[in-house]
C-alpha atoms as a PDB file:
ATOM      1  CA  MET A   1       0.000   0.000   0.000  1.00  0.00           C
ATOM      2  CA  ARG A   2       2.839   2.387   0.860  1.00  0.00           C
ATOM      3  CA  TRP A   3       4.425   1.973  -2.594  1.00  0.00           C
ATOM      4  CA  ARG A   4       1.128   2.673  -4.308  1.00  0.00           C
ATOM      5  CA  LEU A   5       0.723   5.901  -2.348  1.00  0.00           C
ATOM      6  CA  LEU A   6       4.274   6.941  -3.202  1.00  0.00           C
ATOM      7  CA  THR A   7       3.570   6.152  -6.842  1.00  0.00           C
ATOM      8  CA  ALA A   8       0.396   8.253  -6.780  1.00  0.00           C
ATOM      9  CA  ALA A   9       2.251  11.133  -5.127  1.00  0.00           C
ATOM     10  CA  TRP A  10       5.023  10.936  -7.738  1.00  0.00           C
ATOM     11  CA  MET A  11       2.451  10.895 -10.541  1.00  0.00           C
ATOM     12  CA  LEU A  12       0.826  13.988  -9.034  1.00  0.00           C
ATOM     13  CA  ALA A  13       4.215  15.715  -8.923  1.00  0.00           C
ATOM     14  CA  ILE A  14       4.747  14.885 -12.604  1.00  0.00           C
ATOM     15  CA  LEU A  15       1.280  16.217 -13.442  1.00  0.00           C
ATOM     16  CA  VAL A  16       1.858  19.490 -11.610  1.00  0.00           C
ATOM     17  CA  GLY A  17       5.344  19.897 -13.081  1.00  0.00           C
ATOM     18  CA  SER A  18       4.041  19.149 -16.553  1.00  0.00           C
ATOM     19  CA  LEU A  19       1.251  21.706 -16.434  1.00  0.00           C
ATOM     20  CA  LEU A  20       2.776  24.587 -14.472  1.00  0.00           C
ATOM     21  CA  PRO A  21       3.485  27.688 -16.518  1.00  0.00           C
ATOM     22  CA  PRO A  22       7.220  28.241 -17.055  1.00  0.00           C
ATOM     23  CA  GLY A  23       7.101  31.426 -14.955  1.00  0.00           C
ATOM     24  CA  LEU A  24       5.759  29.488 -11.961  1.00  0.00           C
ATOM     25  CA  GLY A  25       8.380  26.775 -12.004  1.00  0.00           C
ATOM     26  CA  GLY A  26       7.227  24.560 -14.864  1.00  0.00           C
ATOM     27  CA  ARG A  27      10.353  23.025 -16.308  1.00  0.00           C
ATOM     28  CA  GLY A  28      11.134  20.812 -19.225  1.00  0.00           C
ATOM     29  CA  GLY A  29      14.102  19.135 -20.784  1.00  0.00           C
ATOM     30  CA  PRO A  30      15.519  15.652 -21.021  1.00  0.00           C
ATOM     31  CA  GLY A  31      16.872  15.622 -17.466  1.00  0.00           C
ATOM     32  CA  TRP A  32      13.443  16.172 -15.977  1.00  0.00           C
ATOM     33  CA  HIS A  33      11.954  13.489 -18.210  1.00  0.00           C
ATOM     34  CA  LEU A  34      14.700  11.075 -17.200  1.00  0.00           C
ATOM     35  CA  LEU A  35      14.168  11.714 -13.496  1.00  0.00           C
ATOM     36  CA  GLY A  36      10.384  11.708 -13.622  1.00  0.00           C
ATOM     37  CA  TYR A  37       9.744   8.607 -15.663  1.00  0.00           C
ATOM     38  CA  ALA A  38      12.676   6.451 -14.545  1.00  0.00           C
ATOM     39  CA  VAL A  39      11.605   6.929 -10.920  1.00  0.00           C
ATOM     40  CA  LEU A  40       7.982   6.284 -11.882  1.00  0.00           C
ATOM     41  CA  VAL A  41       8.917   2.919 -13.422  1.00  0.00           C
ATOM     42  CA  VAL A  42      10.870   1.909 -10.317  1.00  0.00           C
ATOM     43  CA  LEU A  43       8.021   2.913  -7.998  1.00  0.00           C
ATOM     44  CA  MET A  44       5.416   1.107 -10.087  1.00  0.00           C
ATOM     45  CA  ALA A  45       7.573  -2.009 -10.375  1.00  0.00           C
ATOM     46  CA  THR A  46       7.446  -2.438  -6.596  1.00  0.00           C
ATOM     47  CA  TRP A  47       3.807  -3.494  -6.837  1.00  0.00           C
ATOM     48  CA  GLN A  48       3.292  -4.757 -10.396  1.00  0.00           C
ATOM     49  CA  PRO A  49       5.332  -6.446 -13.158  1.00  0.00           C
ATOM     50  CA  PRO A  50       8.199  -4.312 -14.462  1.00  0.00           C
ATOM     51  CA  LEU A  51       7.159  -4.422 -18.127  1.00  0.00           C
ATOM     52  CA  ALA A  52       3.623  -3.378 -17.234  1.00  0.00           C
ATOM     53  CA  SER A  53       5.133  -0.597 -15.130  1.00  0.00           C
ATOM     54  CA  ALA A  54       7.234   0.582 -18.052  1.00  0.00           C
ATOM     55  CA  SER A  55       4.275   0.553 -20.424  1.00  0.00           C
ATOM     56  CA  LEU A  56       2.066   2.431 -18.001  1.00  0.00           C
ATOM     57  CA  ALA A  57       4.764   4.991 -17.206  1.00  0.00           C
ATOM     58  CA  TRP A  58       5.288   5.720 -20.891  1.00  0.00           C
ATOM     59  CA  ALA A  59       1.525   5.959 -21.458  1.00  0.00           C
ATOM     60  CA  TYR A  60       1.301   8.399 -18.544  1.00  0.00           C
ATOM     61  CA  GLY A  61       4.022  10.473 -20.196  1.00  0.00           C
ATOM     62  CA  ALA A  62       2.045  10.448 -23.442  1.00  0.00           C
ATOM     63  CA  LEU A  63      -1.008  11.613 -21.496  1.00  0.00           C
ATOM     64  CA  MET A  64       1.045  14.474 -20.031  1.00  0.00           C
ATOM     65  CA  GLU A  65       2.125  15.495 -23.532  1.00  0.00           C
ATOM     66  CA  GLY A  66      -1.513  15.422 -24.627  1.00  0.00           C
ATOM     67  CA  LEU A  67      -2.491  17.642 -21.716  1.00  0.00           C
ATOM     68  CA  GLN A  68       0.324  20.037 -22.547  1.00  0.00           C
ATOM     69  CA  TRP A  69      -1.025  20.250 -26.083  1.00  0.00           C
ATOM     70  CA  LEU A  70      -4.311  21.515 -24.602  1.00  0.00           C
ATOM     71  CA  VAL A  71      -2.625  24.188 -22.467  1.00  0.00           C
ATOM     72  CA  ARG A  72      -1.557  27.231 -24.473  1.00  0.00           C
ATOM     73  CA  TYR A  73       1.512  28.054 -22.392  1.00  0.00           C
ATOM     74  CA  ARG A  74       3.055  24.564 -22.770  1.00  0.00           C
ATOM     75  CA  ASP A  75       4.165  22.617 -25.838  1.00  0.00           C
ATOM     76  CA  ALA A  76       3.628  18.954 -26.624  1.00  0.00           C
ATOM     77  CA  GLN A  77       6.659  17.530 -28.415  1.00  0.00           C
ATOM     78  CA  VAL A  78       7.477  14.203 -30.010  1.00  0.00           C
ATOM     79  CA  GLU A  79      11.011  14.590 -28.643  1.00  0.00           C
ATOM     80  CA  ASP A  80       9.558  14.453 -25.132  1.00  0.00           C
ATOM     81  CA  LEU A  81       7.886  11.132 -25.899  1.00  0.00           C
ATOM     82  CA  VAL A  82      11.265   9.815 -27.045  1.00  0.00           C
ATOM     83  CA  ALA A  83      12.885  11.160 -23.858  1.00  0.00           C
ATOM     84  CA  ASN A  84      10.170   9.434 -21.823  1.00  0.00           C
ATOM     85  CA  ALA A  85      10.859   6.162 -23.622  1.00  0.00           C
ATOM     86  CA  GLY A  86      14.564   6.472 -22.821  1.00  0.00           C
ATOM     87  CA  ALA A  87      13.734   7.235 -19.197  1.00  0.00           C
ATOM     88  CA  VAL A  88      11.502   4.167 -19.027  1.00  0.00           C
ATOM     89  CA  VAL A  89      14.375   1.993 -20.266  1.00  0.00           C
ATOM     90  CA  VAL A  90      16.675   3.524 -17.643  1.00  0.00           C
ATOM     91  CA  GLY A  91      14.033   2.818 -14.991  1.00  0.00           C
ATOM     92  CA  LEU A  92      13.853  -0.821 -16.085  1.00  0.00           C
ATOM     93  CA  LEU A  93      17.634  -1.113 -15.940  1.00  0.00           C
ATOM     94  CA  ILE A  94      17.714   0.374 -12.444  1.00  0.00           C
ATOM     95  CA  TRP A  95      14.999  -2.044 -11.362  1.00  0.00           C
ATOM     96  CA  ALA A  96      16.928  -5.001 -12.830  1.00  0.00           C
ATOM     97  CA  VAL A  97      20.138  -3.990 -11.038  1.00  0.00           C
ATOM     98  CA  VAL A  98      18.322  -3.571  -7.728  1.00  0.00           C
ATOM     99  CA  MET A  99      16.600  -6.939  -8.076  1.00  0.00           C
ATOM    100  CA  ARG A 100      19.845  -8.671  -9.045  1.00  0.00           C
ATOM    101  CA  ARG A 101      21.643  -7.272  -5.987  1.00  0.00           C
ATOM    102  CA  ARG A 102      18.856  -8.490  -3.704  1.00  0.00           C
ATOM    103  CA  ARG A 103      19.431 -12.103  -4.766  1.00  0.00           C
END
C-alpha cells in the first residue's frame, strides 16, 4: 500500500510539473523526463510487473504530452515522448540492477 501511495504522489508531482506555466516553475528538458519517468517505473515495479510498469509509465508520459497540447503556455513535443521512452528503459535497468543485488 505504501508503494502505491508513493507512486500516486510521484504521478501527481509529474502532473503538476508538466502543467505549471514556465514562470511558476514549470520546467522541461531531457533531465526532468529522465528523473520523472525512470523513478515512476521503479516505484510502479514495486507493486506490479516491471514491463507493465514501463508501459504504463510511458503511457502516462504520453497523457502528459496530450495535456500540454491543450494548455496554451506549454508545448507537446514528439522529442519528449522519445525522452520518456529512454527514461523508461533507464528505470527498467535500475529495477533489474536492484533486483539482481537483492538475490
